[in-house]
């Protein structure tokens, strides 16, 4: 089987995806953005029932690991006045893991996925740093980089991610 990642935004795993994983495919499970409301609502537990469904879907694929990404590209979706602050995101990330653990989804591989905007908008790095839920909570760090023409980094911005992040 060629290496390929199957990204899903649904709230369940279908037979095609189950077959894919059983043949060695990698499944990326992304929380559907519009379905869960705000980060604050998730952090408050308002959507624990839906998170439990996600957890059951991921657990059903064990022992295969499944990348679980709570809300991809959060670095350009911050809106503190509407339940989408960086604190809300970190608390949502923690709450999601708590619910998954309670539903035995130990095969979840927790992912953080920042947007391509980090490469050409230096201010986005501050968002990325503020959103970081903590090393103990993130198994894999991703940067969504797409092929195609994108703006070059502004003058004075390092080409190395660690230079941009200030580390």
Foldseek 3Di string as FASTA:
>chain_A
DDADEAEDADLAADPVNLVCVVVPYAYEYEHNVVPQAALQCLLVVVCLVSLLSSLVRLQVNPPAAHEYEYDAALLPVADVVRRRHLVSLLSNLVSSVVSSVVNVSPSYQYEHEHEPVVQADLVSLVSVVSNDNDPVRHRYYHYDDDDDDDDGHDPPQDPDVCSSNVD
